[in-house]
Amino acid sequence: MKEPDPVETVLQAWQPKPSPQEDFPQAVHARIQQTEAKTAGIHPRFQATLPLAASLAIVAGIIAGTTIGNAADEKAMADAYARSIDPVRMMEMPPQP
């Protein structure tokens, strides 16, 4: 049987021992306050632009819907006009009640 490697035994027994810092909680709170102070001006600007972005999205949706609807109507009207003046296409026209 193979003997265990002494390096593996030492590595398995090793544990890091961090030195305790007495001012650690205060340092964490100070960093949090610094970060909040830096980002405090970002949130109100974002909140002001959110309604504008939503309004623009709604307007763009309405314009897109209207444009697509109009394009379909124009195609149908053009097709109906072509059938009404073209003798060949008149034969394709379904009988009208």
PDB file of N, CA and C in Angstrom:
ATOM      1  N   MET A   1       0.828  -1.178   0.000  1.00  0.00           N
ATOM      2  CA  MET A   1       0.000   0.000   0.000  1.00  0.00           C
ATOM      3  C   MET A   1       0.875   1.245   0.000  1.00  0.00           C
ATOM      4  N   LYS A   2       0.367   2.266  -0.607  1.00  0.00           N
ATOM      5  CA  LYS A   2       1.127   3.497  -0.786  1.00  0.00           C
ATOM      6  C   LYS A   2       1.059   4.339   0.495  1.00  0.00           C
ATOM      7  N   GLU A   3       2.186   4.915   0.877  1.00  0.00           N
ATOM      8  CA  GLU A   3       2.216   5.763   2.067  1.00  0.00           C
ATOM      9  C   GLU A   3       1.650   7.143   1.719  1.00  0.00           C
ATOM     10  N   PRO A   4       0.923   7.771   2.636  1.00  0.00           N
ATOM     11  CA  PRO A   4       0.372   9.104   2.363  1.00  0.00           C
ATOM     12  C   PRO A   4       1.482  10.141   2.226  1.00  0.00           C
ATOM     13  N   ASP A   5       1.249  11.057   1.336  1.00  0.00           N
ATOM     14  CA  ASP A   5       2.218  12.119   1.077  1.00  0.00           C
ATOM     15  C   ASP A   5       2.202  13.095   2.263  1.00  0.00           C
ATOM     16  N   PRO A   6       3.349  13.421   2.856  1.00  0.00           N
ATOM     17  CA  PRO A   6       3.361  14.330   4.011  1.00  0.00           C
ATOM     18  C   PRO A   6       2.907  15.745   3.651  1.00  0.00           C
ATOM     19  N   VAL A   7       3.097  16.127   2.401  1.00  0.00           N
ATOM     20  CA  VAL A   7       2.661  17.474   1.995  1.00  0.00           C
ATOM     21  C   VAL A   7       1.136  17.558   2.033  1.00  0.00           C
ATOM     22  N   GLU A   8       0.455  16.504   1.590  1.00  0.00           N
ATOM     23  CA  GLU A   8      -1.013  16.497   1.631  1.00  0.00           C
ATOM     24  C   GLU A   8      -1.514  16.577   3.058  1.00  0.00           C
ATOM     25  N   THR A   9      -0.853  15.889   3.967  1.00  0.00           N
ATOM     26  CA  THR A   9      -1.259  15.920   5.366  1.00  0.00           C
ATOM     27  C   THR A   9      -1.117  17.331   5.929  1.00  0.00           C
ATOM     28  N   VAL A  10      -0.017  17.983   5.614  1.00  0.00           N
ATOM     29  CA  VAL A  10       0.208  19.346   6.095  1.00  0.00           C
ATOM     30  C   VAL A  10      -0.825  20.298   5.487  1.00  0.00           C
ATOM     31  N   LEU A  11      -1.104  20.159   4.186  1.00  0.00           N
ATOM     32  CA  LEU A  11      -2.074  21.048   3.534  1.00  0.00           C
ATOM     33  C   LEU A  11      -3.479  20.851   4.076  1.00  0.00           C
ATOM     34  N   GLN A  12      -3.844  19.622   4.390  1.00  0.00           N
ATOM     35  CA  GLN A  12      -5.179  19.371   4.934  1.00  0.00           C
ATOM     36  C   GLN A  12      -5.308  19.910   6.348  1.00  0.00           C
ATOM     37  N   ALA A  13      -4.217  19.939   7.082  1.00  0.00           N
ATOM     38  CA  ALA A  13      -4.270  20.430   8.457  1.00  0.00           C
ATOM     39  C   ALA A  13      -4.197  21.958   8.519  1.00  0.00           C
ATOM     40  N   TRP A  14      -3.737  22.604   7.449  1.00  0.00           N
ATOM     41  CA  TRP A  14      -3.552  24.051   7.471  1.00  0.00           C
ATOM     42  C   TRP A  14      -4.898  24.765   7.447  1.00  0.00           C
ATOM     43  N   GLN A  15      -5.042  25.753   8.274  1.00  0.00           N
ATOM     44  CA  GLN A  15      -6.229  26.594   8.319  1.00  0.00           C
ATOM     45  C   GLN A  15      -5.771  28.049   8.344  1.00  0.00           C
ATOM     46  N   PRO A  16      -6.398  28.914   7.551  1.00  0.00           N
ATOM     47  CA  PRO A  16      -6.003  30.326   7.615  1.00  0.00           C
ATOM     48  C   PRO A  16      -6.454  30.924   8.942  1.00  0.00           C
ATOM     49  N   LYS A  17      -5.632  31.792   9.469  1.00  0.00           N
ATOM     50  CA  LYS A  17      -5.952  32.450  10.736  1.00  0.00           C
ATOM     51  C   LYS A  17      -5.936  33.958  10.502  1.00  0.00           C
ATOM     52  N   PRO A  18      -7.094  34.516  10.152  1.00  0.00           N
ATOM     53  CA  PRO A  18      -7.119  35.959   9.903  1.00  0.00           C
ATOM     54  C   PRO A  18      -6.930  36.726  11.207  1.00  0.00           C
ATOM     55  N   SER A  19      -6.263  37.844  11.097  1.00  0.00           N
ATOM     56  CA  SER A  19      -6.088  38.674  12.283  1.00  0.00           C
ATOM     57  C   SER A  19      -7.359  39.490  12.491  1.00  0.00           C
ATOM     58  N   PRO A  20      -7.846  39.537  13.706  1.00  0.00           N
ATOM     59  CA  PRO A  20      -9.083  40.287  13.949  1.00  0.00           C
ATOM     60  C   PRO A  20      -8.833  41.798  13.821  1.00  0.00           C
ATOM     61  N   GLN A  21      -9.740  42.453  13.140  1.00  0.00           N
ATOM     62  CA  GLN A  21      -9.654  43.903  12.996  1.00  0.00           C
ATOM     63  C   GLN A  21     -10.743  44.510  13.854  1.00  0.00           C
ATOM     64  N   GLU A  22     -10.350  45.372  14.734  1.00  0.00           N
ATOM     65  CA  GLU A  22     -11.316  45.956  15.665  1.00  0.00           C
ATOM     66  C   GLU A  22     -12.256  46.940  14.988  1.00  0.00           C
ATOM     67  N   ASP A  23     -11.789  47.634  13.965  1.00  0.00           N
ATOM     68  CA  ASP A  23     -12.617  48.659  13.315  1.00  0.00           C
ATOM     69  C   ASP A  23     -13.282  48.143  12.033  1.00  0.00           C
ATOM     70  N   PHE A  24     -13.367  46.837  11.855  1.00  0.00           N
ATOM     71  CA  PHE A  24     -13.946  46.284  10.635  1.00  0.00           C
ATOM     72  C   PHE A  24     -15.395  46.723  10.410  1.00  0.00           C
ATOM     73  N   PRO A  25     -16.306  46.604  11.392  1.00  0.00           N
ATOM     74  CA  PRO A  25     -17.695  47.053  11.143  1.00  0.00           C
ATOM     75  C   PRO A  25     -17.784  48.535  10.786  1.00  0.00           C
ATOM     76  N   GLN A  26     -16.988  49.367  11.455  1.00  0.00           N
ATOM     77  CA  GLN A  26     -17.025  50.799  11.141  1.00  0.00           C
ATOM     78  C   GLN A  26     -16.510  51.060   9.733  1.00  0.00           C
ATOM     79  N   ALA A  27     -15.485  50.324   9.306  1.00  0.00           N
ATOM     80  CA  ALA A  27     -14.951  50.504   7.956  1.00  0.00           C
ATOM     81  C   ALA A  27     -15.975  50.085   6.902  1.00  0.00           C
ATOM     82  N   VAL A  28     -16.703  49.026   7.180  1.00  0.00           N
ATOM     83  CA  VAL A  28     -17.736  48.577   6.240  1.00  0.00           C
ATOM     84  C   VAL A  28     -18.829  49.628   6.120  1.00  0.00           C
ATOM     85  N   HIS A  29     -19.296  50.152   7.241  1.00  0.00           N
ATOM     86  CA  HIS A  29     -20.351  51.171   7.200  1.00  0.00           C
ATOM     87  C   HIS A  29     -19.873  52.450   6.525  1.00  0.00           C
ATOM     88  N   ALA A  30     -18.609  52.790   6.724  1.00  0.00           N
ATOM     89  CA  ALA A  30     -18.062  53.991   6.066  1.00  0.00           C
ATOM     90  C   ALA A  30     -18.032  53.795   4.549  1.00  0.00           C
ATOM     91  N   ARG A  31     -17.642  52.610   4.089  1.00  0.00           N
ATOM     92  CA  ARG A  31     -17.624  52.353   2.644  1.00  0.00           C
ATOM     93  C   ARG A  31     -19.031  52.370   2.064  1.00  0.00           C
ATOM     94  N   ILE A  32     -19.994  51.834   2.797  1.00  0.00           N
ATOM     95  CA  ILE A  32     -21.385  51.854   2.328  1.00  0.00           C
ATOM     96  C   ILE A  32     -21.875  53.291   2.194  1.00  0.00           C
ATOM     97  N   GLN A  33     -21.583  54.129   3.176  1.00  0.00           N
ATOM     98  CA  GLN A  33     -22.016  55.523   3.113  1.00  0.00           C
ATOM     99  C   GLN A  33     -21.338  56.271   1.964  1.00  0.00           C
ATOM    100  N   GLN A  34     -20.066  55.978   1.703  1.00  0.00           N
ATOM    101  CA  GLN A  34     -19.379  56.616   0.583  1.00  0.00           C
ATOM    102  C   GLN A  34     -20.017  56.224  -0.745  1.00  0.00           C
ATOM    103  N   THR A  35     -20.359  54.942  -0.879  1.00  0.00           N
ATOM    104  CA  THR A  35     -20.988  54.473  -2.114  1.00  0.00           C
ATOM    105  C   THR A  35     -22.368  55.091  -2.282  1.00  0.00           C
ATOM    106  N   GLU A  36     -23.130  55.178  -1.198  1.00  0.00           N
ATOM    107  CA  GLU A  36     -24.460  55.793  -1.275  1.00  0.00           C
ATOM    108  C   GLU A  36     -24.361  57.263  -1.645  1.00  0.00           C
ATOM    109  N   ALA A  37     -23.345  57.945  -1.134  1.00  0.00           N
ATOM    110  CA  ALA A  37     -23.170  59.362  -1.453  1.00  0.00           C
ATOM    111  C   ALA A  37     -22.829  59.548  -2.931  1.00  0.00           C
ATOM    112  N   LYS A  38     -22.028  58.625  -3.486  1.00  0.00           N
ATOM    113  CA  LYS A  38     -21.657  58.729  -4.901  1.00  0.00           C
ATOM    114  C   LYS A  38     -22.840  58.450  -5.813  1.00  0.00           C
ATOM    115  N   THR A  39     -23.702  57.511  -5.436  1.00  0.00           N
ATOM    116  CA  THR A  39     -24.807  57.106  -6.308  1.00  0.00           C
ATOM    117  C   THR A  39     -26.113  57.804  -5.972  1.00  0.00           C
ATOM    118  N   ALA A  40     -26.107  58.729  -5.038  1.00  0.00           N
ATOM    119  CA  ALA A  40     -27.351  59.388  -4.636  1.00  0.00           C
ATOM    120  C   ALA A  40     -27.960  60.189  -5.778  1.00  0.00           C
ATOM    121  N   GLY A  41     -27.162  60.782  -6.648  1.00  0.00           N
ATOM    122  CA  GLY A  41     -27.677  61.593  -7.741  1.00  0.00           C
ATOM    123  C   GLY A  41     -28.179  60.777  -8.919  1.00  0.00           C
ATOM    124  N   ILE A  42     -27.927  59.492  -8.948  1.00  0.00           N
ATOM    125  CA  ILE A  42     -28.314  58.673 -10.101  1.00  0.00           C
ATOM    126  C   ILE A  42     -29.795  58.349 -10.072  1.00  0.00           C
ATOM    127  N   HIS A  43     -30.321  57.988  -8.938  1.00  0.00           N
ATOM    128  CA  HIS A  43     -31.697  57.509  -8.857  1.00  0.00           C
ATOM    129  C   HIS A  43     -32.747  58.551  -9.241  1.00  0.00           C
ATOM    130  N   PRO A  44     -32.682  59.791  -8.772  1.00  0.00           N
ATOM    131  CA  PRO A  44     -33.714  60.751  -9.191  1.00  0.00           C
ATOM    132  C   PRO A  44     -33.720  61.000 -10.696  1.00  0.00           C
ATOM    133  N   ARG A  45     -32.538  61.016 -11.319  1.00  0.00           N
ATOM    134  CA  ARG A  45     -32.515  61.213 -12.769  1.00  0.00           C
ATOM    135  C   ARG A  45     -33.163  60.041 -13.485  1.00  0.00           C
ATOM    136  N   PHE A  46     -32.933  58.843 -12.991  1.00  0.00           N
ATOM    137  CA  PHE A  46     -33.546  57.670 -13.604  1.00  0.00           C
ATOM    138  C   PHE A  46     -35.057  57.705 -13.429  1.00  0.00           C
ATOM    139  N   GLN A  47     -35.501  58.107 -12.256  1.00  0.00           N
ATOM    140  CA  GLN A  47     -36.944  58.171 -12.018  1.00  0.00           C
ATOM    141  C   GLN A  47     -37.601  59.230 -12.893  1.00  0.00           C
ATOM    142  N   ALA A  48     -36.900  60.273 -13.223  1.00  0.00           N
ATOM    143  CA  ALA A  48     -37.468  61.314 -14.073  1.00  0.00           C
ATOM    144  C   ALA A  48     -37.549  60.871 -15.529  1.00  0.00           C
ATOM    145  N   THR A  49     -36.644  60.016 -15.958  1.00  0.00           N
ATOM    146  CA  THR A  49     -36.650  59.590 -17.352  1.00  0.00           C
ATOM    147  C   THR A  49     -37.548  58.388 -17.599  1.00  0.00           C
ATOM    148  N   LEU A  50     -37.943  57.684 -16.560  1.00  0.00           N
ATOM    149  CA  LEU A  50     -38.783  56.501 -16.735  1.00  0.00           C
ATOM    150  C   LEU A  50     -40.147  56.828 -17.351  1.00  0.00           C
ATOM    151  N   PRO A  51     -40.885  57.837 -16.891  1.00  0.00           N
ATOM    152  CA  PRO A  51     -42.156  58.164 -17.555  1.00  0.00           C
ATOM    153  C   PRO A  51     -41.972  58.605 -19.001  1.00  0.00           C
ATOM    154  N   LEU A  52     -40.900  59.332 -19.269  1.00  0.00           N
ATOM    155  CA  LEU A  52     -40.634  59.767 -20.637  1.00  0.00           C
ATOM    156  C   LEU A  52     -40.385  58.563 -21.535  1.00  0.00           C
ATOM    157  N   ALA A  53     -39.596  57.611 -21.069  1.00  0.00           N
ATOM    158  CA  ALA A  53     -39.307  56.414 -21.862  1.00  0.00           C
ATOM    159  C   ALA A  53     -40.576  55.592 -22.083  1.00  0.00           C
ATOM    160  N   ALA A  54     -41.402  55.481 -21.067  1.00  0.00           N
ATOM    161  CA  ALA A  54     -42.650  54.734 -21.219  1.00  0.00           C
ATOM    162  C   ALA A  54     -43.578  55.431 -22.220  1.00  0.00           C
ATOM    163  N   SER A  55     -43.640  56.749 -22.159  1.00  0.00           N
ATOM    164  CA  SER A  55     -44.480  57.496 -23.110  1.00  0.00           C
ATOM    165  C   SER A  55     -43.984  57.316 -24.540  1.00  0.00           C
ATOM    166  N   LEU A  56     -42.676  57.378 -24.719  1.00  0.00           N
ATOM    167  CA  LEU A  56     -42.133  57.188 -26.065  1.00  0.00           C
ATOM    168  C   LEU A  56     -42.392  55.779 -26.581  1.00  0.00           C
ATOM    169  N   ALA A  57     -42.327  54.788 -25.705  1.00  0.00           N
ATOM    170  CA  ALA A  57     -42.598  53.411 -26.119  1.00  0.00           C
ATOM    171  C   ALA A  57     -44.063  53.250 -26.528  1.00  0.00           C
ATOM    172  N   ILE A  58     -44.964  53.873 -25.800  1.00  0.00           N
ATOM    173  CA  ILE A  58     -46.385  53.796 -26.138  1.00  0.00           C
ATOM    174  C   ILE A  58     -46.652  54.487 -27.471  1.00  0.00           C
ATOM    175  N   VAL A  59     -46.080  55.655 -27.666  1.00  0.00           N
ATOM    176  CA  VAL A  59     -46.267  56.389 -28.928  1.00  0.00           C
ATOM    177  C   VAL A  59     -45.697  55.590 -30.097  1.00  0.00           C
ATOM    178  N   ALA A  60     -44.513  55.000 -29.897  1.00  0.00           N
ATOM    179  CA  ALA A  60     -43.919  54.196 -30.967  1.00  0.00           C
ATOM    180  C   ALA A  60     -44.792  52.990 -31.293  1.00  0.00           C
ATOM    181  N   GLY A  61     -45.381  52.375 -30.283  1.00  0.00           N
ATOM    182  CA  GLY A  61     -46.279  51.248 -30.525  1.00  0.00           C
ATOM    183  C   GLY A  61     -47.523  51.657 -31.287  1.00  0.00           C
ATOM    184  N   ILE A  62     -48.082  52.789 -30.936  1.00  0.00           N
ATOM    185  CA  ILE A  62     -49.277  53.276 -31.640  1.00  0.00           C
ATOM    186  C   ILE A  62     -48.940  53.592 -33.100  1.00  0.00           C
ATOM    187  N   ILE A  63     -47.813  54.261 -33.322  1.00  0.00           N
ATOM    188  CA  ILE A  63     -47.414  54.594 -34.692  1.00  0.00           C
ATOM    189  C   ILE A  63     -47.167  53.327 -35.504  1.00  0.00           C
ATOM    190  N   ALA A  64     -46.482  52.354 -34.910  1.00  0.00           N
ATOM    191  CA  ALA A  64     -46.209  51.102 -35.622  1.00  0.00           C
ATOM    192  C   ALA A  64     -47.501  50.362 -35.947  1.00  0.00           C
ATOM    193  N   GLY A  65     -48.412  50.307 -35.000  1.00  0.00           N
ATOM    194  CA  GLY A  65     -49.689  49.635 -35.249  1.00  0.00           C
ATOM    195  C   GLY A  65     -50.500  50.321 -36.330  1.00  0.00           C
ATOM    196  N   THR A  66     -50.530  51.630 -36.285  1.00  0.00           N
ATOM    197  CA  THR A  66     -51.264  52.383 -37.305  1.00  0.00           C
ATOM    198  C   THR A  66     -50.633  52.204 -38.680  1.00  0.00           C
ATOM    199  N   THR A  67     -49.320  52.250 -38.742  1.00  0.00           N
ATOM    200  CA  THR A  67     -48.625  52.100 -40.019  1.00  0.00           C
ATOM    201  C   THR A  67     -48.870  50.721 -40.617  1.00  0.00           C
ATOM    202  N   ILE A  68     -48.778  49.696 -39.803  1.00  0.00           N
ATOM    203  CA  ILE A  68     -49.014  48.333 -40.299  1.00  0.00           C
ATOM    204  C   ILE A  68     -50.460  48.167 -40.745  1.00  0.00           C
ATOM    205  N   GLY A  69     -51.389  48.720 -39.970  1.00  0.00           N
ATOM    206  CA  GLY A  69     -52.803  48.641 -40.346  1.00  0.00           C
ATOM    207  C   GLY A  69     -53.092  49.384 -41.631  1.00  0.00           C
ATOM    208  N   ASN A  70     -52.499  50.562 -41.779  1.00  0.00           N
ATOM    209  CA  ASN A  70     -52.707  51.339 -43.002  1.00  0.00           C
ATOM    210  C   ASN A  70     -52.110  50.639 -44.215  1.00  0.00           C
ATOM    211  N   ALA A  71     -50.965  50.007 -44.038  1.00  0.00           N
ATOM    212  CA  ALA A  71     -50.334  49.313 -45.158  1.00  0.00           C
ATOM    213  C   ALA A  71     -51.214  48.162 -45.638  1.00  0.00           C
ATOM    214  N   ALA A  72     -51.817  47.444 -44.697  1.00  0.00           N
ATOM    215  CA  ALA A  72     -52.705  46.343 -45.077  1.00  0.00           C
ATOM    216  C   ALA A  72     -53.947  46.880 -45.790  1.00  0.00           C
ATOM    217  N   ASP A  73     -54.506  47.981 -45.293  1.00  0.00           N
ATOM    218  CA  ASP A  73     -55.675  48.579 -45.935  1.00  0.00           C
ATOM    219  C   ASP A  73     -55.334  49.088 -47.338  1.00  0.00           C
ATOM    220  N   GLU A  74     -54.174  49.713 -47.466  1.00  0.00           N
ATOM    221  CA  GLU A  74     -53.778  50.221 -48.786  1.00  0.00           C
ATOM    222  C   GLU A  74     -53.594  49.083 -49.784  1.00  0.00           C
ATOM    223  N   LYS A  75     -53.019  47.980 -49.329  1.00  0.00           N
ATOM    224  CA  LYS A  75     -52.842  46.842 -50.228  1.00  0.00           C
ATOM    225  C   LYS A  75     -54.197  46.287 -50.656  1.00  0.00           C
ATOM    226  N   ALA A  76     -55.130  46.176 -49.718  1.00  0.00           N
ATOM    227  CA  ALA A  76     -56.451  45.657 -50.058  1.00  0.00           C
ATOM    228  C   ALA A  76     -57.183  46.603 -51.015  1.00  0.00           C
ATOM    229  N   MET A  77     -57.055  47.904 -50.778  1.00  0.00           N
ATOM    230  CA  MET A  77     -57.723  48.859 -51.668  1.00  0.00           C
ATOM    231  C   MET A  77     -57.085  48.858 -53.056  1.00  0.00           C
ATOM    232  N   ALA A  78     -55.766  48.767 -53.126  1.00  0.00           N
ATOM    233  CA  ALA A  78     -55.094  48.724 -54.419  1.00  0.00           C
ATOM    234  C   ALA A  78     -55.484  47.468 -55.187  1.00  0.00           C
ATOM    235  N   ASP A  79     -55.582  46.360 -54.480  1.00  0.00           N
ATOM    236  CA  ASP A  79     -55.988  45.107 -55.125  1.00  0.00           C
ATOM    237  C   ASP A  79     -57.425  45.205 -55.639  1.00  0.00           C
ATOM    238  N   ALA A  80     -58.313  45.778 -54.845  1.00  0.00           N
ATOM    239  CA  ALA A  80     -59.705  45.934 -55.273  1.00  0.00           C
ATOM    240  C   ALA A  80     -59.800  46.868 -56.482  1.00  0.00           C
ATOM    241  N   TYR A  81     -59.023  47.943 -56.488  1.00  0.00           N
ATOM    242  CA  TYR A  81     -59.043  48.863 -57.623  1.00  0.00           C
ATOM    243  C   TYR A  81     -58.522  48.170 -58.881  1.00  0.00           C
ATOM    244  N   ALA A  82     -57.425  47.419 -58.734  1.00  0.00           N
ATOM    245  CA  ALA A  82     -56.873  46.719 -59.899  1.00  0.00           C
ATOM    246  C   ALA A  82     -57.878  45.712 -60.446  1.00  0.00           C
ATOM    247  N   ARG A  83     -58.606  45.045 -59.585  1.00  0.00           N
ATOM    248  CA  ARG A  83     -59.627  44.098 -60.053  1.00  0.00           C
ATOM    249  C   ARG A  83     -60.782  44.821 -60.744  1.00  0.00           C
ATOM    250  N   SER A  84     -61.078  46.038 -60.310  1.00  0.00           N
ATOM    251  CA  SER A  84     -62.223  46.739 -60.899  1.00  0.00           C
ATOM    252  C   SER A  84     -61.925  47.299 -62.286  1.00  0.00           C
ATOM    253  N   ILE A  85     -60.649  47.554 -62.626  1.00  0.00           N
ATOM    254  CA  ILE A  85     -60.347  48.141 -63.931  1.00  0.00           C
ATOM    255  C   ILE A  85     -59.665  47.177 -64.883  1.00  0.00           C
ATOM    256  N   ASP A  86     -59.177  46.067 -64.407  1.00  0.00           N
ATOM    257  CA  ASP A  86     -58.450  45.123 -65.260  1.00  0.00           C
ATOM    258  C   ASP A  86     -59.389  43.983 -65.652  1.00  0.00           C
ATOM    259  N   PRO A  87     -59.661  43.807 -66.961  1.00  0.00           N
ATOM    260  CA  PRO A  87     -60.600  42.772 -67.374  1.00  0.00           C
ATOM    261  C   PRO A  87     -60.137  41.357 -66.979  1.00  0.00           C
ATOM    262  N   VAL A  88     -58.863  41.115 -66.996  1.00  0.00           N
ATOM    263  CA  VAL A  88     -58.370  39.783 -66.622  1.00  0.00           C
ATOM    264  C   VAL A  88     -58.613  39.538 -65.142  1.00  0.00           C
ATOM    265  N   ARG A  89     -58.366  40.566 -64.346  1.00  0.00           N
ATOM    266  CA  ARG A  89     -58.553  40.400 -62.907  1.00  0.00           C
ATOM    267  C   ARG A  89     -60.023  40.424 -62.530  1.00  0.00           C
ATOM    268  N   MET A  90     -60.863  40.983 -63.399  1.00  0.00           N
ATOM    269  CA  MET A  90     -62.301  40.955 -63.113  1.00  0.00           C
ATOM    270  C   MET A  90     -62.809  39.525 -63.083  1.00  0.00           C
ATOM    271  N   MET A  91     -62.196  38.666 -63.864  1.00  0.00           N
ATOM    272  CA  MET A  91     -62.613  37.275 -63.905  1.00  0.00           C
ATOM    273  C   MET A  91     -62.239  36.560 -62.597  1.00  0.00           C
ATOM    274  N   GLU A  92     -61.207  37.068 -61.909  1.00  0.00           N
ATOM    275  CA  GLU A  92     -60.778  36.472 -60.636  1.00  0.00           C
ATOM    276  C   GLU A  92     -61.637  36.941 -59.482  1.00  0.00           C
ATOM    277  N   MET A  93     -62.365  38.029 -59.699  1.00  0.00           N
ATOM    278  CA  MET A  93     -63.129  38.621 -58.614  1.00  0.00           C
ATOM    279  C   MET A  93     -64.284  37.705 -58.216  1.00  0.00           C
ATOM    280  N   PRO A  94     -64.474  37.496 -56.945  1.00  0.00           N
ATOM    281  CA  PRO A  94     -65.598  36.665 -56.518  1.00  0.00           C
ATOM    282  C   PRO A  94     -66.913  37.393 -56.795  1.00  0.00           C
ATOM    283  N   PRO A  95     -67.970  36.641 -57.048  1.00  0.00           N
ATOM    284  CA  PRO A  95     -69.247  37.313 -57.313  1.00  0.00           C
ATOM    285  C   PRO A  95     -69.710  38.120 -56.128  1.00  0.00           C
ATOM    286  N   GLN A  96     -70.239  39.303 -56.417  1.00  0.00           N
ATOM    287  CA  GLN A  96     -70.700  40.173 -55.336  1.00  0.00           C
ATOM    288  C   GLN A  96     -72.177  39.922 -55.094  1.00  0.00           C
ATOM    289  N   PRO A  97     -72.585  39.889 -53.853  1.00  0.00           N
ATOM    290  CA  PRO A  97     -74.003  39.615 -53.538  1.00  0.00           C
ATOM    291  C   PRO A  97     -74.914  40.746 -53.896  1.00  0.00           C
TER     292      PRO A  97
END
